């Protein structure tokens, strides 16, 4: 199983709309990629928020990222934050 984590660094000038993220952006991504996700709302630490998407395989993840729907997911980021996200791709062991 592959986990794609997208983390949003906190900062004094960072804005983040958690409601929009939870109610609009993450559902857009899970529908586009046909996956499940878990959302983190940062309380203490270097990230204001994060999400973890779960793919059955690396091939499924690569196919999902290559779809034209990924463009809409990426374009939507400006609707909820000015942070530059950090992505981690991991194999769950």
C-alpha atoms as a PDB file:
ATOM      1  CA  UNK A   1       0.000   0.000   0.000  1.00  0.00           C
ATOM      2  CA  UNK A   2       1.211   3.515  -0.856  1.00  0.00           C
ATOM      3  CA  UNK A   3       0.510   6.591   1.253  1.00  0.00           C
ATOM      4  CA  UNK A   4       0.856  10.049  -0.281  1.00  0.00           C
ATOM      5  CA  UNK A   5       1.095  12.684   2.434  1.00  0.00           C
ATOM      6  CA  UNK A   6       0.665  16.349   1.576  1.00  0.00           C
ATOM      7  CA  UNK A   7       1.777  18.611   4.418  1.00  0.00           C
ATOM      8  CA  UNK A   8       1.338  22.373   4.715  1.00  0.00           C
ATOM      9  CA  UNK A   9       4.085  24.173   6.667  1.00  0.00           C
ATOM     10  CA  UNK A  10       2.925  26.621   9.320  1.00  0.00           C
ATOM     11  CA  UNK A  11       4.212  30.179   9.349  1.00  0.00           C
ATOM     12  CA  UNK A  12       3.358  33.663  10.507  1.00  0.00           C
ATOM     13  CA  UNK A  13       2.050  34.667   7.073  1.00  0.00           C
ATOM     14  CA  UNK A  14       0.364  31.346   6.223  1.00  0.00           C
ATOM     15  CA  UNK A  15      -3.391  31.334   5.686  1.00  0.00           C
ATOM     16  CA  UNK A  16      -5.374  28.090   5.639  1.00  0.00           C
ATOM     17  CA  UNK A  17      -9.140  27.549   5.360  1.00  0.00           C
ATOM     18  CA  UNK A  18      -9.653  24.227   7.150  1.00  0.00           C
ATOM     19  CA  UNK A  19     -13.401  24.123   6.389  1.00  0.00           C
ATOM     20  CA  UNK A  20     -12.876  24.535   2.649  1.00  0.00           C
ATOM     21  CA  UNK A  21     -10.063  21.974   2.744  1.00  0.00           C
ATOM     22  CA  UNK A  22     -12.188  19.386   4.554  1.00  0.00           C
ATOM     23  CA  UNK A  23     -15.464  20.020   2.732  1.00  0.00           C
ATOM     24  CA  UNK A  24     -14.315  20.813  -0.825  1.00  0.00           C
ATOM     25  CA  UNK A  25     -10.671  20.189  -1.648  1.00  0.00           C
ATOM     26  CA  UNK A  26     -10.061  16.755  -0.151  1.00  0.00           C
ATOM     27  CA  UNK A  27     -13.383  15.385  -1.532  1.00  0.00           C
ATOM     28  CA  UNK A  28     -12.358  16.741  -4.965  1.00  0.00           C
ATOM     29  CA  UNK A  29      -9.067  14.830  -4.731  1.00  0.00           C
ATOM     30  CA  UNK A  30     -10.525  11.576  -3.409  1.00  0.00           C
ATOM     31  CA  UNK A  31     -13.143  11.577  -6.163  1.00  0.00           C
ATOM     32  CA  UNK A  32     -10.575  12.402  -8.865  1.00  0.00           C
ATOM     33  CA  UNK A  33      -8.237   9.620  -7.744  1.00  0.00           C
ATOM     34  CA  UNK A  34     -10.784   7.129  -6.372  1.00  0.00           C
ATOM     35  CA  UNK A  35      -8.984   6.793  -3.020  1.00  0.00           C
ATOM     36  CA  UNK A  36      -9.566   7.274   0.688  1.00  0.00           C
ATOM     37  CA  UNK A  37      -7.950   9.974   2.790  1.00  0.00           C
ATOM     38  CA  UNK A  38      -7.298  11.079   6.364  1.00  0.00           C
ATOM     39  CA  UNK A  39      -7.017  14.780   7.199  1.00  0.00           C
ATOM     40  CA  UNK A  40      -4.795  16.296   9.902  1.00  0.00           C
ATOM     41  CA  UNK A  41      -5.438  19.708  11.449  1.00  0.00           C
ATOM     42  CA  UNK A  42      -2.202  20.858  13.043  1.00  0.00           C
ATOM     43  CA  UNK A  43      -2.373  21.729  16.730  1.00  0.00           C
ATOM     44  CA  UNK A  44       1.313  21.912  17.585  1.00  0.00           C
ATOM     45  CA  UNK A  45       4.249  21.374  15.284  1.00  0.00           C
ATOM     46  CA  UNK A  46       5.663  22.474  11.960  1.00  0.00           C
ATOM     47  CA  UNK A  47       2.498  21.883   9.880  1.00  0.00           C
ATOM     48  CA  UNK A  48      -0.833  23.728   9.877  1.00  0.00           C
ATOM     49  CA  UNK A  49      -2.538  20.805   8.102  1.00  0.00           C
ATOM     50  CA  UNK A  50      -1.964  17.647   6.151  1.00  0.00           C
ATOM     51  CA  UNK A  51      -3.723  14.897   4.293  1.00  0.00           C
ATOM     52  CA  UNK A  52      -2.823  11.276   3.658  1.00  0.00           C
ATOM     53  CA  UNK A  53      -4.132   9.550   0.524  1.00  0.00           C
ATOM     54  CA  UNK A  54      -4.056   5.765   0.328  1.00  0.00           C
ATOM     55  CA  UNK A  55      -3.389   3.882  -2.919  1.00  0.00           C
ATOM     56  CA  UNK A  56      -3.317   0.120  -3.423  1.00  0.00           C
ATOM     57  CA  UNK A  57      -0.044   0.291  -5.379  1.00  0.00           C
ATOM     58  CA  UNK A  58       2.554   2.622  -6.805  1.00  0.00           C
ATOM     59  CA  UNK A  59       1.077   1.952 -10.247  1.00  0.00           C
ATOM     60  CA  UNK A  60      -2.394   3.053  -9.075  1.00  0.00           C
ATOM     61  CA  UNK A  61      -0.907   6.239  -7.638  1.00  0.00           C
ATOM     62  CA  UNK A  62       1.011   7.019 -10.835  1.00  0.00           C
ATOM     63  CA  UNK A  63      -2.078   6.422 -12.979  1.00  0.00           C
ATOM     64  CA  UNK A  64      -4.203   8.626 -10.714  1.00  0.00           C
ATOM     65  CA  UNK A  65      -1.678  11.468 -10.788  1.00  0.00           C
ATOM     66  CA  UNK A  66      -1.524  11.290 -14.597  1.00  0.00           C
ATOM     67  CA  UNK A  67      -5.253  11.902 -15.101  1.00  0.00           C
ATOM     68  CA  UNK A  68      -6.491  15.273 -16.325  1.00  0.00           C
ATOM     69  CA  UNK A  69      -8.492  15.610 -13.081  1.00  0.00           C
ATOM     70  CA  UNK A  70      -5.211  16.140 -11.209  1.00  0.00           C
ATOM     71  CA  UNK A  71      -4.932  19.572 -12.820  1.00  0.00           C
ATOM     72  CA  UNK A  72      -8.199  20.657 -11.211  1.00  0.00           C
ATOM     73  CA  UNK A  73      -7.011  19.357  -7.821  1.00  0.00           C
ATOM     74  CA  UNK A  74      -3.754  21.305  -8.082  1.00  0.00           C
ATOM     75  CA  UNK A  75      -5.477  24.479  -9.290  1.00  0.00           C
ATOM     76  CA  UNK A  76      -7.830  24.350  -6.287  1.00  0.00           C
ATOM     77  CA  UNK A  77      -4.983  24.783  -3.756  1.00  0.00           C
ATOM     78  CA  UNK A  78      -5.146  28.587  -4.124  1.00  0.00           C
ATOM     79  CA  UNK A  79      -8.737  28.467  -2.818  1.00  0.00           C
ATOM     80  CA  UNK A  80      -7.690  27.475   0.716  1.00  0.00           C
ATOM     81  CA  UNK A  81      -4.038  28.334   1.389  1.00  0.00           C
ATOM     82  CA  UNK A  82      -1.025  30.381   0.438  1.00  0.00           C
ATOM     83  CA  UNK A  83       1.338  27.741   1.863  1.00  0.00           C
ATOM     84  CA  UNK A  84       3.578  25.706  -0.425  1.00  0.00           C
ATOM     85  CA  UNK A  85       2.795  22.052   0.319  1.00  0.00           C
ATOM     86  CA  UNK A  86       5.408  19.375   0.910  1.00  0.00           C
ATOM     87  CA  UNK A  87       4.683  15.881  -0.441  1.00  0.00           C
ATOM     88  CA  UNK A  88       5.923  12.550   0.922  1.00  0.00           C
ATOM     89  CA  UNK A  89       5.296   9.236  -0.879  1.00  0.00           C
ATOM     90  CA  UNK A  90       5.673   6.225   1.381  1.00  0.00           C
ATOM     91  CA  UNK A  91       5.187   2.493   1.292  1.00  0.00           C
ATOM     92  CA  UNK A  92       3.193   1.330   4.289  1.00  0.00           C
ATOM     93  CA  UNK A  93       5.077  -1.599   5.852  1.00  0.00           C
END
